[in-house]
Amino acid sequence: MSGLIIMTSKIITIATVSTLLTACGGGDGGATSSSTSPSSLQSKSIQGVAIDGYISGATAFLDLNYNGELDSGEPKSITDANGRYELSLSGDNADCVDYVPIVVDVPVGAIDADDPNNPIEEPYQLFFPPVKMTTSDSEIRSTTPLTSMLWNEMKLKLDLEDNAMSSCADLKLAIQLQGITDNSIQELENGVASRNNVSVEQLYSDFIKEDDSEVKALTQKLMPVIKESYRESKMLRQENPAAEEAYVSYIVRSKKDTNGELNDQWYKVQVTKSDSKVETRAYEVTSELVDPQLLEHIVTHTAENSDLSYTREYSLRREAEGNQESILSRSFNCTIKETIEESRVTDANSMTIYEVTNQSGIKKESSMDDCFGNYVGGADFEQTIEVMAINNSQDQGTVITGHRFTYDQHTPYAKWVDVDPTLNNVNGNLLGSFFYIGTDFSENSAHDSVRWVRSKAEFGQSVFGQNESLQYQVITTKDSNGDWYMETDYDDGRSVYECSESQLGEWAQCSSSLPPFTNNDKVLNNTRLTVLKVTAALLQQNNE
């Protein structure tokens, strides 16, 4: 399954927002204050029920650090004869009840009410996603094989798109930055429901109480997957005792066979995380979850010093799709990508972010060890320099600009290629190398690049009637080919797209049904602009 794992760098999210949170005196990760205050006296609870049949004698707990294991200080509860549990948190982090997953450890000897005379002989875990990542409004959280499969999907999305997701505070930040939205949650729920031929409501249901034999039969079919995932996760943790987190998930997708018919295809995803490294492997497996064939292997290193944030990603992927029998005959493509970022608060109302991204060409390699032996630079190497600026001036409100310059192997900035992942060989900072790049949108200098793109975002409010108004943002983009593109997005969901041949030309509806700039082409793409808007708001808070 090509592209099963997509490692999207969120380095700008982590570095930029962390800088502002520190400046604003925040970012304590939800730690409880030692002094007595109204917030430290609050308490919040959540109730649930563990279901294969109703399971008694299992341990339910709030997984505050997202590692799938019961750690000291994590609230826990033993399930009763009806599988019920209740978990509580008090103090400043009481609301974390809604921002962390629930784990139910089902040990050998626990009782399944469907077969009370035969205690459970093989341990496993059930999961319920963080409440803030679900659309369920049930007061009793039914923790089942289906909610476990849903959390598998969500957990992978969080880990593969944001390596820092390991706490209540991280999820709060992701929601604030709109990296996790109602739409993205619904897409995940709809996908899992559709692949299992049930409704979203059935995903969260107490199928025993509702006497839903269809869902009950489905959960029984999923139990071998649940148990195998638990067994392999435990083995992976034993093999990697120094890892902060290690787990194995199984997910299913539809895949066409040689006759063009869609069939379920199972995939095994193995994730190991430490403080500065994330390693992920994805395998195609049979319906019996055996005969794993490696599809993708990705290793990401991260580092920080007083100035810079850094990621280096090694990716080993099989070539184009093929049948199960032909997987081993398909070679691997090795690529390397490194990203270096520095953010600076330049004055009370302004912030500038510098980012260098180096992408290697594709090389054929047989293993990750061979891939490690390659460098980013080379004949097919590409470098992009990006400069983003936030300006909260009182005259014009908030304006955000972004400038991207693309270079080939003849880049004048070779100093920022193949940086030591530990940052030990780095002298100076990005600010010193790129300070001369103007951040005003009116700039047209190419700075010796092969091509460039510039974007500007402005924000306003339309007032109509006596008490009604509508927020909007205007994103103007231009490039070195002379193309101009303007996108106006309104809070009610409407968007207007216009094109022009020059700054002074006439703006009109774009002639093509597709805009000249895709979301990824825009320096201020949807994900990045959301982060920068939140950062701008934090800057303003810091000045109040």
Protein backbone atom coordinates (compact mmCIF):
# COMPACT_ATOMS: atom_id res chain seq x y z
CA MET A 1 0.00 0.00 0.00
CA SER A 2 1.95 2.97 -1.28
CA GLY A 3 2.00 5.94 1.06
CA LEU A 4 0.59 4.02 4.01
CA ILE A 5 2.76 6.14 6.27
CA ILE A 6 3.00 9.85 5.65
CA MET A 7 5.48 11.62 7.91
CA THR A 8 4.43 15.25 7.80
CA SER A 9 6.95 17.50 9.49
CA LYS A 10 5.35 19.57 12.24
CA ILE A 11 8.59 21.17 13.31
CA ILE A 12 7.11 24.64 12.77
CA THR A 13 4.26 23.79 15.11
CA ILE A 14 6.45 22.58 17.93
CA ALA A 15 9.20 25.18 17.69
CA THR A 16 7.07 28.23 16.99
CA VAL A 17 4.31 27.69 19.50
CA SER A 18 6.72 26.51 22.20
CA THR A 19 8.61 29.78 21.81
CA LEU A 20 5.46 31.82 22.30
CA LEU A 21 4.11 29.70 25.15
CA THR A 22 7.40 30.18 26.98
CA ALA A 23 7.33 33.91 26.35
CA CYS A 24 3.76 34.08 27.65
CA GLY A 25 4.62 32.11 30.78
CA GLY A 26 2.68 29.01 29.71
CA GLY A 27 3.58 25.57 28.42
CA ASP A 28 3.75 23.80 31.79
CA GLY A 29 2.20 20.67 30.32
CA GLY A 30 -0.72 20.73 32.74
CA ALA A 31 1.36 20.29 35.90
CA THR A 32 -0.54 20.70 39.14
CA SER A 33 0.29 23.76 41.22
CA SER A 34 1.44 23.19 44.77
CA SER A 35 -0.64 26.10 46.05
CA THR A 36 -4.36 25.87 46.71
CA SER A 37 -6.53 27.57 44.11
CA PRO A 38 -10.06 27.09 42.74
CA SER A 39 -8.68 25.03 39.82
CA SER A 40 -6.71 22.76 42.16
CA LEU A 41 -9.91 21.86 44.02
CA GLN A 42 -11.85 20.74 40.95
CA SER A 43 -12.41 17.10 40.08
CA LYS A 44 -13.69 15.41 36.95
CA SER A 45 -14.76 11.81 36.32
CA ILE A 46 -15.48 9.55 33.39
CA GLN A 47 -17.44 6.29 33.38
CA GLY A 48 -17.19 3.36 31.03
CA VAL A 49 -17.83 -0.31 30.49
CA ALA A 50 -15.37 -2.93 29.19
CA ILE A 51 -17.03 -5.18 26.62
CA ASP A 52 -16.13 -8.33 24.76
CA GLY A 53 -18.82 -9.78 26.84
CA TYR A 54 -18.97 -7.64 29.98
CA ILE A 55 -15.48 -8.08 31.47
CA SER A 56 -14.91 -8.09 35.24
CA GLY A 57 -11.56 -8.08 37.01
CA ALA A 58 -9.83 -5.91 34.37
CA THR A 59 -7.91 -2.72 35.16
CA ALA A 60 -9.09 0.46 33.44
CA PHE A 61 -6.83 3.51 33.58
CA LEU A 62 -6.32 6.97 32.11
CA ASP A 63 -3.19 6.80 29.95
CA LEU A 64 -1.85 10.27 30.77
CA ASN A 65 1.39 9.84 28.79
CA TYR A 66 -0.09 7.90 25.85
CA ASN A 67 2.29 4.95 26.22
CA GLY A 68 -0.29 2.19 26.66
CA GLU A 69 1.06 1.16 30.07
CA LEU A 70 -0.20 1.79 33.61
CA ASP A 71 2.30 4.15 35.23
CA SER A 72 2.53 5.54 38.73
CA GLY A 73 0.00 8.30 39.35
CA GLU A 74 -2.38 7.34 36.54
CA PRO A 75 -5.99 6.95 37.79
CA LYS A 76 -7.17 3.33 37.68
CA SER A 77 -10.25 1.26 38.46
CA ILE A 78 -11.09 -2.46 38.54
CA THR A 79 -14.10 -3.35 36.39
CA ASP A 80 -17.07 -4.78 38.30
CA ALA A 81 -19.31 -7.74 37.47
CA ASN A 82 -21.02 -5.66 34.77
CA GLY A 83 -17.75 -4.46 33.26
CA ARG A 84 -18.26 -0.95 34.66
CA TYR A 85 -15.47 1.39 35.76
CA GLU A 86 -15.09 5.01 36.85
CA LEU A 87 -11.94 7.13 36.63
CA SER A 88 -11.31 10.54 38.18
CA LEU A 89 -8.73 13.33 38.05
CA SER A 90 -8.49 16.33 40.33
CA GLY A 91 -6.44 19.51 40.40
CA ASP A 92 -5.27 21.77 37.60
CA ASN A 93 -5.21 18.91 35.09
CA ALA A 94 -8.68 17.54 35.89
CA ASP A 95 -9.89 18.30 32.36
CA CYS A 96 -7.27 15.86 31.03
CA VAL A 97 -9.99 13.25 31.59
CA ASP A 98 -11.27 14.32 28.15
CA TYR A 99 -7.87 14.55 26.44
CA VAL A 100 -6.25 11.16 27.08
CA PRO A 101 -7.20 7.61 26.03
CA ILE A 102 -8.72 5.03 28.35
CA VAL A 103 -6.92 1.69 28.46
CA VAL A 104 -8.44 -1.50 29.84
CA ASP A 105 -5.86 -4.14 30.77
CA VAL A 106 -7.58 -7.53 30.61
CA PRO A 107 -5.38 -10.02 32.51
CA VAL A 108 -5.34 -13.79 32.65
CA GLY A 109 -8.07 -14.78 35.09
CA ALA A 110 -10.48 -11.94 34.29
CA ILE A 111 -14.06 -13.01 33.66
CA ASP A 112 -16.04 -12.56 30.46
CA ALA A 113 -19.74 -12.63 31.35
CA ASP A 114 -20.46 -14.49 28.11
CA ASP A 115 -18.44 -17.44 29.45
CA PRO A 116 -18.19 -16.97 33.24
CA ASN A 117 -17.07 -20.54 33.96
CA ASN A 118 -13.91 -20.20 31.87
CA PRO A 119 -11.62 -17.37 33.02
CA ILE A 120 -9.72 -15.52 30.29
CA GLU A 121 -6.50 -17.35 29.40
CA GLU A 122 -4.80 -14.82 27.10
CA PRO A 123 -4.27 -11.16 28.14
CA TYR A 124 -5.14 -8.25 25.90
CA GLN A 125 -6.02 -4.54 25.98
CA LEU A 126 -9.07 -2.54 24.95
CA PHE A 127 -9.01 1.21 24.28
CA PHE A 128 -11.35 4.18 24.14
CA PRO A 129 -10.06 7.32 22.36
CA PRO A 130 -9.78 10.67 24.14
CA VAL A 131 -13.30 12.04 24.47
CA LYS A 132 -12.27 15.20 22.61
CA MET A 133 -11.40 13.02 19.61
CA THR A 134 -14.85 11.42 19.35
CA THR A 135 -18.33 12.53 18.34
CA SER A 136 -19.99 10.23 20.88
CA ASP A 137 -22.09 11.97 23.53
CA SER A 138 -22.76 8.85 25.60
CA GLU A 139 -22.10 9.29 29.32
CA ILE A 140 -20.93 5.66 29.57
CA ARG A 141 -17.91 4.99 27.36
CA SER A 142 -18.30 1.53 25.85
CA THR A 143 -14.73 0.24 25.53
CA THR A 144 -14.79 -2.49 22.89
CA PRO A 145 -12.78 -4.07 20.07
CA LEU A 146 -14.33 -1.49 17.71
CA THR A 147 -13.28 1.53 19.80
CA SER A 148 -9.87 -0.14 20.06
CA MET A 149 -9.55 -0.34 16.27
CA LEU A 150 -10.64 3.30 16.07
CA TRP A 151 -7.97 4.34 18.58
CA ASN A 152 -5.38 2.36 16.58
CA GLU A 153 -6.14 4.57 13.57
CA MET A 154 -6.19 7.77 15.63
CA LYS A 155 -3.01 6.92 17.50
CA LEU A 156 -1.13 6.28 14.27
CA LYS A 157 -2.34 9.59 12.84
CA LEU A 158 -1.17 11.45 15.94
CA ASP A 159 2.22 9.74 16.09
CA LEU A 160 3.00 9.82 12.38
CA GLU A 161 1.92 13.42 11.84
CA ASP A 162 3.16 14.88 15.12
CA ASN A 163 5.99 13.06 16.85
CA ALA A 164 5.48 15.08 20.04
CA MET A 165 2.00 13.70 20.83
CA SER A 166 2.49 12.16 24.27
CA SER A 167 0.28 14.00 26.74
CA CYS A 168 -2.95 15.77 27.48
CA ALA A 169 -1.21 19.11 26.84
CA ASP A 170 -0.04 17.95 23.39
CA LEU A 171 -3.58 17.04 22.32
CA LYS A 172 -4.93 20.34 23.63
CA LEU A 173 -2.31 22.16 21.55
CA ALA A 174 -3.10 20.08 18.44
CA ILE A 175 -6.79 20.93 18.77
CA GLN A 176 -5.99 24.61 19.35
CA LEU A 177 -3.87 24.62 16.20
CA GLN A 178 -6.66 22.84 14.34
CA GLY A 179 -4.36 19.99 13.39
CA ILE A 180 -7.24 17.96 14.81
CA THR A 181 -10.65 19.24 13.72
CA ASP A 182 -14.23 17.99 13.87
CA ASN A 183 -13.95 17.13 10.18
CA SER A 184 -10.75 15.10 10.61
CA ILE A 185 -12.30 13.22 13.55
CA GLN A 186 -15.44 12.45 11.55
CA GLU A 187 -13.34 11.24 8.61
CA LEU A 188 -11.52 8.78 10.88
CA GLU A 189 -14.77 7.57 12.45
CA ASN A 190 -16.49 7.22 9.09
CA GLY A 191 -13.52 5.34 7.66
CA VAL A 192 -13.39 2.78 10.48
CA ALA A 193 -17.18 2.41 10.48
CA SER A 194 -17.32 1.94 6.71
CA ARG A 195 -14.52 -0.63 6.65
CA ASN A 196 -16.37 -2.64 9.30
CA ASN A 197 -19.82 -2.19 7.72
CA VAL A 198 -21.32 -0.48 10.77
CA SER A 199 -22.55 3.02 11.57
CA VAL A 200 -20.55 5.53 13.60
CA GLU A 201 -23.15 5.15 16.36
CA GLN A 202 -22.47 1.40 16.42
CA LEU A 203 -18.74 2.07 16.85
CA TYR A 204 -19.49 3.46 20.31
CA SER A 205 -22.43 1.25 21.24
CA ASP A 206 -23.01 -1.17 24.11
CA PHE A 207 -23.92 -3.92 21.69
CA ILE A 208 -24.78 -6.35 24.48
CA LYS A 209 -27.26 -3.99 26.13
CA GLU A 210 -28.74 -3.18 22.72
CA ASP A 211 -28.80 -6.89 21.75
CA ASP A 212 -27.00 -6.09 18.48
CA SER A 213 -25.94 -9.53 17.28
CA GLU A 214 -24.37 -8.09 14.11
CA VAL A 215 -21.88 -5.90 15.98
CA LYS A 216 -21.24 -8.61 18.57
CA ALA A 217 -20.29 -11.07 15.80
CA LEU A 218 -18.01 -8.44 14.27
CA THR A 219 -16.20 -7.80 17.56
CA GLN A 220 -15.59 -11.53 17.95
CA LYS A 221 -13.90 -11.54 14.53
CA LEU A 222 -11.70 -8.63 15.64
CA MET A 223 -10.54 -10.26 18.87
CA PRO A 224 -7.63 -12.18 17.24
CA VAL A 225 -6.37 -8.82 15.90
CA ILE A 226 -6.70 -7.20 19.34
CA LYS A 227 -4.83 -10.04 21.04
CA GLU A 228 -2.07 -10.22 18.44
CA SER A 229 -1.50 -6.48 18.64
CA TYR A 230 -1.15 -6.71 22.43
CA ARG A 231 1.20 -9.71 22.25
CA GLU A 232 3.49 -8.09 19.67
CA SER A 233 3.45 -4.71 21.43
CA LYS A 234 4.61 -6.40 24.62
CA MET A 235 7.42 -8.15 22.73
CA LEU A 236 8.46 -4.91 21.04
CA ARG A 237 8.71 -3.13 24.41
CA GLN A 238 10.85 -5.97 25.76
CA GLU A 239 13.14 -5.69 22.73
CA ASN A 240 13.41 -1.90 23.20
CA PRO A 241 13.61 -1.34 26.97
CA ALA A 242 15.00 2.18 26.58
CA ALA A 243 12.14 3.33 24.33
CA GLU A 244 9.63 5.79 25.73
CA GLU A 245 6.94 4.02 23.78
CA ALA A 246 6.72 0.96 21.52
CA TYR A 247 3.62 -0.63 20.03
CA VAL A 248 2.21 -2.62 17.13
CA SER A 249 -1.10 -1.81 15.44
CA TYR A 250 -3.03 -3.68 12.77
CA ILE A 251 -5.18 -1.73 10.33
CA VAL A 252 -7.24 -2.83 7.34
CA ARG A 253 -7.77 -1.20 3.96
CA SER A 254 -9.53 -2.15 0.73
CA LYS A 255 -7.28 -3.31 -2.09
CA LYS A 256 -8.02 -4.47 -5.64
CA ASP A 257 -6.97 -8.00 -6.55
CA THR A 258 -5.83 -9.15 -10.00
CA ASN A 259 -9.48 -9.33 -11.11
CA GLY A 260 -10.15 -5.76 -10.06
CA GLU A 261 -12.28 -6.77 -7.09
CA LEU A 262 -11.93 -5.05 -3.72
CA ASN A 263 -10.80 -7.16 -0.79
CA ASP A 264 -9.69 -6.44 2.75
CA GLN A 265 -5.92 -6.10 3.06
CA TRP A 266 -4.36 -6.08 6.53
CA TYR A 267 -1.29 -4.05 7.43
CA LYS A 268 0.94 -4.19 10.47
CA VAL A 269 2.48 -0.93 11.70
CA GLN A 270 5.28 -0.99 14.27
CA VAL A 271 6.26 2.24 16.08
CA THR A 272 9.15 2.84 18.48
CA LYS A 273 9.63 6.28 20.03
CA SER A 274 12.38 7.80 22.13
CA ASP A 275 13.23 11.36 23.09
CA SER A 276 14.99 12.15 19.82
CA LYS A 277 14.04 9.31 17.47
CA VAL A 278 10.90 7.78 15.98
CA GLU A 279 11.14 4.56 13.98
CA THR A 280 8.19 3.18 12.03
CA ARG A 281 7.81 0.04 9.93
CA ALA A 282 4.77 -0.92 7.89
CA TYR A 283 4.16 -4.44 6.61
CA GLU A 284 1.58 -6.08 4.41
CA VAL A 285 0.26 -9.25 6.07
CA THR A 286 -2.22 -11.98 5.24
CA SER A 287 -5.76 -12.13 6.65
CA GLU A 288 -4.31 -14.45 9.32
CA LEU A 289 -1.85 -11.65 10.24
CA VAL A 290 1.18 -13.71 9.20
CA ASP A 291 3.87 -13.55 6.49
CA PRO A 292 4.78 -9.85 6.98
CA GLN A 293 6.33 -8.17 3.94
CA LEU A 294 8.03 -4.83 4.60
CA LEU A 295 6.53 -1.93 2.64
CA GLU A 296 7.95 1.12 4.40
CA HIS A 297 10.61 1.83 6.98
CA ILE A 298 11.02 5.39 8.25
CA VAL A 299 13.47 6.71 10.84
CA THR A 300 13.20 10.30 12.07
CA HIS A 301 15.80 12.01 14.26
CA THR A 302 15.15 15.31 16.03
CA ALA A 303 17.42 17.73 17.87
CA GLU A 304 17.38 21.24 19.31
CA ASN A 305 19.91 23.77 20.52
CA SER A 306 19.54 27.35 21.71
CA ASP A 307 18.77 28.57 18.19
CA LEU A 308 17.61 25.70 16.01
CA SER A 309 15.10 22.88 15.75
CA TYR A 310 16.07 20.01 13.45
CA THR A 311 14.58 16.87 11.93
CA ARG A 312 16.21 14.31 9.65
CA GLU A 313 14.02 11.65 8.08
CA TYR A 314 15.29 8.51 6.33
CA SER A 315 12.61 6.83 4.24
CA LEU A 316 12.78 3.39 2.65
CA ARG A 317 9.71 2.54 0.53
CA ARG A 318 8.82 -0.23 -1.87
CA GLU A 319 8.20 0.82 -5.44
CA ALA A 320 4.74 0.82 -7.03
CA GLU A 321 1.94 -1.48 -5.93
CA GLY A 322 2.04 -5.18 -6.73
CA ASN A 323 0.37 -8.40 -5.71
CA GLN A 324 1.34 -10.22 -2.51
CA GLU A 325 3.38 -12.67 -4.56
CA SER A 326 5.41 -9.91 -6.22
CA ILE A 327 6.25 -7.75 -3.21
CA LEU A 328 9.68 -9.26 -2.65
CA SER A 329 10.65 -8.58 -6.26
CA ARG A 330 10.01 -4.84 -5.86
CA SER A 331 13.04 -2.77 -4.90
CA PHE A 332 13.20 -0.09 -2.21
CA ASN A 333 13.55 3.63 -2.83
CA CYS A 334 15.67 5.50 -0.29
CA THR A 335 15.17 9.23 0.30
CA ILE A 336 16.43 11.60 2.98
CA LYS A 337 14.81 14.83 4.10
CA GLU A 338 16.15 17.28 6.64
CA THR A 339 14.48 20.38 8.04
CA ILE A 340 16.11 23.14 10.10
CA GLU A 341 14.08 25.91 11.71
CA GLU A 342 14.68 29.00 13.78
CA SER A 343 12.04 31.41 15.09
CA ARG A 344 12.73 34.87 16.49
CA VAL A 345 10.45 37.41 18.15
CA THR A 346 11.88 40.47 16.43
CA ASP A 347 9.90 43.08 18.41
CA ALA A 348 6.75 43.37 20.50
CA ASN A 349 4.48 42.95 17.47
CA SER A 350 6.54 40.85 15.09
CA MET A 351 8.01 37.41 14.66
CA THR A 352 10.09 35.87 11.88
CA ILE A 353 10.53 32.16 11.18
CA TYR A 354 13.32 30.77 8.99
CA GLU A 355 13.14 27.23 7.65
CA VAL A 356 15.50 25.24 5.43
CA THR A 357 14.32 21.96 3.89
CA ASN A 358 16.72 19.68 2.01
CA GLN A 359 15.34 16.76 0.01
CA SER A 360 17.58 14.11 -1.52
CA GLY A 361 16.99 12.37 -4.81
CA ILE A 362 15.83 8.74 -4.93
CA LYS A 363 18.37 5.94 -4.61
CA LYS A 364 17.84 2.20 -4.81
CA GLU A 365 18.81 0.47 -1.57
CA SER A 366 18.06 -2.91 -0.04
CA SER A 367 17.95 -1.95 3.64
CA MET A 368 17.72 0.98 6.03
CA ASP A 369 21.37 0.47 7.00
CA ASP A 370 22.28 1.10 3.36
CA CYS A 371 19.97 4.12 3.28
CA PHE A 372 21.76 5.53 6.35
CA GLY A 373 24.97 5.57 4.29
CA ASN A 374 23.60 8.17 1.87
CA TYR A 375 23.68 11.95 2.01
CA VAL A 376 21.02 14.55 1.29
CA GLY A 377 23.16 16.39 -1.26
CA GLY A 378 23.61 15.01 -4.77
CA ALA A 379 22.62 15.39 -8.41
CA ASP A 380 18.86 15.30 -7.73
CA PHE A 381 19.06 17.28 -4.51
CA GLU A 382 16.58 20.13 -3.89
CA GLN A 383 16.69 22.82 -1.22
CA THR A 384 13.95 25.23 -0.19
CA ILE A 385 14.48 28.32 1.95
CA GLU A 386 11.31 29.65 3.57
CA VAL A 387 10.89 32.87 5.52
CA MET A 388 7.60 33.58 7.30
CA ALA A 389 6.77 36.78 9.13
CA ILE A 390 4.00 37.80 11.52
CA ASN A 391 3.24 41.50 11.88
CA ASN A 392 0.62 42.61 14.41
CA SER A 393 0.88 46.35 13.69
CA GLN A 394 -2.02 48.43 14.97
CA ASP A 395 -2.49 50.24 11.65
CA GLN A 396 -3.27 47.26 9.45
CA GLY A 397 -4.10 44.51 11.89
CA THR A 398 -2.37 41.15 11.58
CA VAL A 399 -0.55 40.43 8.33
CA ILE A 400 1.30 37.15 7.75
CA THR A 401 3.70 36.70 4.84
CA GLY A 402 5.58 33.69 3.55
CA HIS A 403 8.42 33.47 1.03
CA ARG A 404 9.77 30.25 -0.51
CA PHE A 405 12.92 29.95 -2.65
CA THR A 406 13.87 26.69 -4.37
CA TYR A 407 17.46 25.72 -5.20
CA ASP A 408 19.13 22.76 -6.91
CA GLN A 409 22.50 21.15 -6.13
CA HIS A 410 24.22 24.47 -6.92
CA THR A 411 22.68 26.15 -3.89
CA PRO A 412 24.72 28.98 -2.37
CA TYR A 413 23.67 27.69 1.05
CA ALA A 414 25.63 24.43 1.18
CA LYS A 415 26.42 25.18 4.83
CA TRP A 416 22.86 24.14 5.65
CA VAL A 417 23.02 20.79 3.81
CA ASP A 418 23.70 17.48 5.61
CA VAL A 419 23.72 19.06 9.04
CA ASP A 420 24.90 16.81 11.86
CA PRO A 421 21.69 15.43 13.47
CA THR A 422 23.12 16.33 16.88
CA LEU A 423 23.71 19.92 15.68
CA ASN A 424 27.30 19.61 16.93
CA ASN A 425 28.71 20.80 13.61
CA VAL A 426 26.46 23.85 13.36
CA ASN A 427 28.06 27.25 13.77
CA GLY A 428 25.84 30.33 13.64
CA ASN A 429 22.13 30.47 13.03
CA LEU A 430 19.64 30.78 10.21
CA LEU A 431 18.93 34.39 11.09
CA GLY A 432 22.53 35.25 10.34
CA SER A 433 22.39 33.54 6.95
CA PHE A 434 19.05 34.84 5.69
CA PHE A 435 18.39 38.13 7.49
CA TYR A 436 18.78 40.02 4.20
CA ILE A 437 15.68 38.34 2.70
CA GLY A 438 12.92 40.94 2.88
CA THR A 439 9.64 39.79 4.39
CA ASP A 440 7.37 42.31 2.67
CA PHE A 441 5.02 40.78 0.09
CA SER A 442 5.98 43.45 -2.46
CA GLU A 443 9.49 41.93 -2.73
CA ASN A 444 10.29 40.25 -6.07
CA SER A 445 13.94 39.27 -5.69
CA ALA A 446 14.77 35.68 -6.64
CA HIS A 447 17.89 35.56 -4.41
CA ASP A 448 19.59 33.28 -7.01
CA SER A 449 16.85 30.63 -6.68
CA VAL A 450 15.55 28.40 -9.46
CA ARG A 451 11.99 29.55 -8.65
CA TRP A 452 10.12 31.35 -5.88
CA VAL A 453 6.64 31.71 -4.42
CA ARG A 454 5.32 34.41 -2.06
CA SER A 455 2.07 34.49 -0.09
CA LYS A 456 0.35 37.09 2.08
CA ALA A 457 -2.59 36.56 4.45
CA GLU A 458 -4.78 39.41 5.67
CA PHE A 459 -7.83 39.23 7.91
CA GLY A 460 -11.03 41.20 8.18
CA GLN A 461 -14.67 41.29 9.13
CA SER A 462 -17.76 42.00 7.05
CA VAL A 463 -20.53 43.69 9.02
CA PHE A 464 -24.13 43.48 7.84
CA GLY A 465 -27.37 44.17 9.59
CA GLN A 466 -27.36 45.46 13.13
CA ASN A 467 -25.78 42.56 14.98
CA GLU A 468 -24.32 40.28 12.33
CA SER A 469 -20.77 39.98 11.04
CA LEU A 470 -18.65 37.51 9.11
CA GLN A 471 -14.91 36.90 9.57
CA TYR A 472 -12.79 36.30 6.48
CA GLN A 473 -9.17 35.89 5.38
CA VAL A 474 -7.59 36.82 2.07
CA ILE A 475 -4.54 34.86 0.89
CA THR A 476 -2.72 36.37 -2.08
CA THR A 477 -0.04 34.26 -3.79
CA LYS A 478 2.38 35.10 -6.60
CA ASP A 479 5.28 33.23 -8.18
CA SER A 480 8.33 33.70 -10.36
CA ASN A 481 6.31 32.75 -13.48
CA GLY A 482 4.12 35.82 -13.04
CA ASP A 483 1.03 33.97 -11.84
CA TRP A 484 -1.15 35.69 -9.22
CA TYR A 485 -3.86 33.98 -7.23
CA MET A 486 -6.21 35.26 -4.53
CA GLU A 487 -8.29 33.10 -2.21
CA THR A 488 -10.91 34.62 0.10
CA ASP A 489 -12.17 32.27 2.81
CA TYR A 490 -15.23 33.12 4.91
CA ASP A 491 -16.14 31.70 8.31
CA ASP A 492 -19.41 30.32 6.90
CA GLY A 493 -17.39 27.90 4.75
CA ARG A 494 -17.53 29.80 1.45
CA SER A 495 -14.38 30.42 -0.58
CA VAL A 496 -13.84 32.69 -3.58
CA TYR A 497 -10.91 32.10 -5.98
CA GLU A 498 -9.59 34.76 -8.36
CA CYS A 499 -6.62 34.99 -10.74
CA SER A 500 -4.65 37.81 -12.33
CA GLU A 501 -1.71 38.16 -14.69
CA SER A 502 -0.04 40.84 -12.58
CA GLN A 503 -0.35 42.88 -9.41
CA LEU A 504 -2.05 45.71 -11.29
CA GLY A 505 -4.02 43.45 -13.61
CA GLU A 506 -7.73 42.80 -13.40
CA TRP A 507 -8.84 40.13 -10.94
CA ALA A 508 -11.33 37.62 -12.32
CA GLN A 509 -12.55 34.11 -11.68
CA CYS A 510 -9.79 31.64 -12.55
CA SER A 511 -10.22 30.19 -16.05
CA SER A 512 -9.35 26.67 -14.93
CA SER A 513 -11.48 24.69 -12.51
CA LEU A 514 -8.22 24.03 -10.66
CA PRO A 515 -6.36 26.97 -9.09
CA PRO A 516 -2.77 27.56 -10.24
CA PHE A 517 -1.53 27.06 -6.68
CA THR A 518 -2.36 23.90 -4.75
CA ASN A 519 -2.48 23.93 -0.96
CA ASN A 520 1.08 22.56 -0.82
CA ASP A 521 2.30 25.15 -3.32
CA LYS A 522 1.23 27.99 -1.06
CA VAL A 523 3.84 28.92 1.51
CA LEU A 524 0.92 29.74 3.79
CA ASN A 525 -0.88 26.44 3.31
CA ASN A 526 -3.88 25.50 5.44
CA THR A 527 -1.93 23.76 8.20
CA ARG A 528 0.87 26.30 8.44
CA LEU A 529 -1.41 29.36 8.32
CA THR A 530 -3.48 28.03 11.21
CA VAL A 531 -0.34 27.66 13.31
CA LEU A 532 0.86 31.15 12.42
CA LYS A 533 -2.54 32.67 13.27
CA VAL A 534 -2.45 31.07 16.72
CA THR A 535 1.13 32.28 17.13
CA ALA A 536 0.07 35.81 16.19
CA ALA A 537 -2.69 35.66 18.82
CA LEU A 538 -0.18 34.53 21.44
CA LEU A 539 2.08 37.43 20.52
CA GLN A 540 -0.81 39.80 21.10
CA GLN A 541 -1.59 38.18 24.46
CA ASN A 542 2.01 38.62 25.49
CA ASN A 543 1.77 42.35 24.82
CA GLU A 544 -1.46 42.93 26.76
